[in-house]
């Protein structure tokens, strides 16, 4: 047997994820988040902000079974709230 690998750590919090967390208040629609960040291009927002924040476990979907639902909202996870609290950016 080979050496044991350390547990996989979550992806680092990028500047974009940090901005998204700071803009997120309660539960918000994608469009509301995008507007709060002043971003116009949905693809860029999804790829640079939303997907990394979801992958890092910082935010979660309110309807995980229907990711493209028009009623889909996003909210910070406990991990995301803790990260914000540690940095003094909690809402």
C-alpha atoms as a PDB file:
ATOM      1  CA  UNK A   1       0.000   0.000   0.000  1.00  0.00           C
ATOM      2  CA  UNK A   2       1.137   3.493  -0.811  1.00  0.00           C
ATOM      3  CA  UNK A   3       1.369   6.457   1.522  1.00  0.00           C
ATOM      4  CA  UNK A   4      -1.866   7.810   2.956  1.00  0.00           C
ATOM      5  CA  UNK A   5      -2.989  10.993   1.318  1.00  0.00           C
ATOM      6  CA  UNK A   6      -4.172  13.834   3.531  1.00  0.00           C
ATOM      7  CA  UNK A   7      -7.900  14.568   3.394  1.00  0.00           C
ATOM      8  CA  UNK A   8      -8.854  16.744   0.456  1.00  0.00           C
ATOM      9  CA  UNK A   9      -9.202  20.333   1.580  1.00  0.00           C
ATOM     10  CA  UNK A  10     -11.866  22.588   0.105  1.00  0.00           C
ATOM     11  CA  UNK A  11     -10.856  24.871  -2.762  1.00  0.00           C
ATOM     12  CA  UNK A  12      -9.392  28.198  -1.639  1.00  0.00           C
ATOM     13  CA  UNK A  13     -11.675  31.197  -1.339  1.00  0.00           C
ATOM     14  CA  UNK A  14     -10.960  33.399  -4.343  1.00  0.00           C
ATOM     15  CA  UNK A  15     -11.521  37.144  -4.479  1.00  0.00           C
ATOM     16  CA  UNK A  16     -14.677  36.494  -6.469  1.00  0.00           C
ATOM     17  CA  UNK A  17     -16.062  34.094  -3.853  1.00  0.00           C
ATOM     18  CA  UNK A  18     -15.216  36.617  -1.139  1.00  0.00           C
ATOM     19  CA  UNK A  19     -17.101  39.353  -3.006  1.00  0.00           C
ATOM     20  CA  UNK A  20     -20.083  37.052  -3.540  1.00  0.00           C
ATOM     21  CA  UNK A  21     -20.211  36.133   0.170  1.00  0.00           C
ATOM     22  CA  UNK A  22     -20.019  39.780   1.177  1.00  0.00           C
ATOM     23  CA  UNK A  23     -22.861  40.687  -1.214  1.00  0.00           C
ATOM     24  CA  UNK A  24     -25.094  37.766  -0.192  1.00  0.00           C
ATOM     25  CA  UNK A  25     -27.763  38.777   2.299  1.00  0.00           C
ATOM     26  CA  UNK A  26     -30.054  35.973   3.407  1.00  0.00           C
ATOM     27  CA  UNK A  27     -31.405  34.061   0.408  1.00  0.00           C
ATOM     28  CA  UNK A  28     -30.982  35.700  -2.991  1.00  0.00           C
ATOM     29  CA  UNK A  29     -31.834  34.893  -6.605  1.00  0.00           C
ATOM     30  CA  UNK A  30     -28.932  34.580  -9.057  1.00  0.00           C
ATOM     31  CA  UNK A  31     -30.085  37.751 -10.788  1.00  0.00           C
ATOM     32  CA  UNK A  32     -30.151  39.651  -7.468  1.00  0.00           C
ATOM     33  CA  UNK A  33     -26.646  38.501  -6.605  1.00  0.00           C
ATOM     34  CA  UNK A  34     -25.373  39.355 -10.045  1.00  0.00           C
ATOM     35  CA  UNK A  35     -26.898  42.854  -9.805  1.00  0.00           C
ATOM     36  CA  UNK A  36     -25.497  43.352  -6.290  1.00  0.00           C
ATOM     37  CA  UNK A  37     -22.042  42.622  -7.712  1.00  0.00           C
ATOM     38  CA  UNK A  38     -22.590  44.837 -10.761  1.00  0.00           C
ATOM     39  CA  UNK A  39     -22.019  41.968 -13.208  1.00  0.00           C
ATOM     40  CA  UNK A  40     -23.777  41.813 -16.565  1.00  0.00           C
ATOM     41  CA  UNK A  41     -22.658  38.494 -18.060  1.00  0.00           C
ATOM     42  CA  UNK A  42     -24.436  35.447 -16.623  1.00  0.00           C
ATOM     43  CA  UNK A  43     -21.873  32.909 -17.895  1.00  0.00           C
ATOM     44  CA  UNK A  44     -18.984  34.819 -16.318  1.00  0.00           C
ATOM     45  CA  UNK A  45     -20.910  35.148 -13.046  1.00  0.00           C
ATOM     46  CA  UNK A  46     -21.720  31.418 -12.969  1.00  0.00           C
ATOM     47  CA  UNK A  47     -18.151  30.336 -13.830  1.00  0.00           C
ATOM     48  CA  UNK A  48     -16.137  32.842 -11.779  1.00  0.00           C
ATOM     49  CA  UNK A  49     -18.404  33.407  -8.774  1.00  0.00           C
ATOM     50  CA  UNK A  50     -21.278  30.966  -8.334  1.00  0.00           C
ATOM     51  CA  UNK A  51     -19.623  27.631  -9.203  1.00  0.00           C
ATOM     52  CA  UNK A  52     -16.467  28.248  -7.113  1.00  0.00           C
ATOM     53  CA  UNK A  53     -18.573  29.363  -4.113  1.00  0.00           C
ATOM     54  CA  UNK A  54     -20.741  26.238  -4.397  1.00  0.00           C
ATOM     55  CA  UNK A  55     -17.682  23.980  -4.890  1.00  0.00           C
ATOM     56  CA  UNK A  56     -15.966  25.514  -1.846  1.00  0.00           C
ATOM     57  CA  UNK A  57     -19.056  24.833   0.270  1.00  0.00           C
ATOM     58  CA  UNK A  58     -19.495  28.534   1.062  1.00  0.00           C
ATOM     59  CA  UNK A  59     -23.004  28.823  -0.380  1.00  0.00           C
ATOM     60  CA  UNK A  60     -25.811  26.391  -1.087  1.00  0.00           C
ATOM     61  CA  UNK A  61     -28.895  26.220  -3.273  1.00  0.00           C
ATOM     62  CA  UNK A  62     -32.334  26.424  -1.701  1.00  0.00           C
ATOM     63  CA  UNK A  63     -33.621  23.911  -4.302  1.00  0.00           C
ATOM     64  CA  UNK A  64     -30.641  21.589  -4.903  1.00  0.00           C
ATOM     65  CA  UNK A  65     -32.723  19.127  -6.942  1.00  0.00           C
ATOM     66  CA  UNK A  66     -33.524  21.848  -9.506  1.00  0.00           C
ATOM     67  CA  UNK A  67     -30.374  23.938 -10.013  1.00  0.00           C
ATOM     68  CA  UNK A  68     -31.846  25.856 -12.982  1.00  0.00           C
ATOM     69  CA  UNK A  69     -35.225  26.612 -11.350  1.00  0.00           C
ATOM     70  CA  UNK A  70     -36.427  30.194 -11.779  1.00  0.00           C
ATOM     71  CA  UNK A  71     -37.168  30.118  -8.042  1.00  0.00           C
ATOM     72  CA  UNK A  72     -33.628  28.984  -7.147  1.00  0.00           C
ATOM     73  CA  UNK A  73     -32.037  31.064  -4.437  1.00  0.00           C
ATOM     74  CA  UNK A  74     -28.619  30.911  -2.841  1.00  0.00           C
ATOM     75  CA  UNK A  75     -27.693  31.313   0.811  1.00  0.00           C
ATOM     76  CA  UNK A  76     -24.476  31.082   2.808  1.00  0.00           C
ATOM     77  CA  UNK A  77     -23.678  27.754   4.463  1.00  0.00           C
ATOM     78  CA  UNK A  78     -22.493  27.508   8.063  1.00  0.00           C
ATOM     79  CA  UNK A  79     -18.969  27.372   6.640  1.00  0.00           C
ATOM     80  CA  UNK A  80     -19.592  30.520   4.584  1.00  0.00           C
ATOM     81  CA  UNK A  81     -21.045  32.389   7.575  1.00  0.00           C
ATOM     82  CA  UNK A  82     -18.107  31.307   9.734  1.00  0.00           C
ATOM     83  CA  UNK A  83     -15.642  32.475   7.080  1.00  0.00           C
ATOM     84  CA  UNK A  84     -17.378  35.871   6.947  1.00  0.00           C
ATOM     85  CA  UNK A  85     -17.505  36.182  10.739  1.00  0.00           C
ATOM     86  CA  UNK A  86     -13.774  35.473  10.995  1.00  0.00           C
ATOM     87  CA  UNK A  87     -13.119  38.292   8.548  1.00  0.00           C
ATOM     88  CA  UNK A  88     -15.551  40.781  10.028  1.00  0.00           C
ATOM     89  CA  UNK A  89     -17.820  40.791   6.971  1.00  0.00           C
ATOM     90  CA  UNK A  90     -20.904  39.096   8.420  1.00  0.00           C
ATOM     91  CA  UNK A  91     -24.371  40.343   7.589  1.00  0.00           C
END
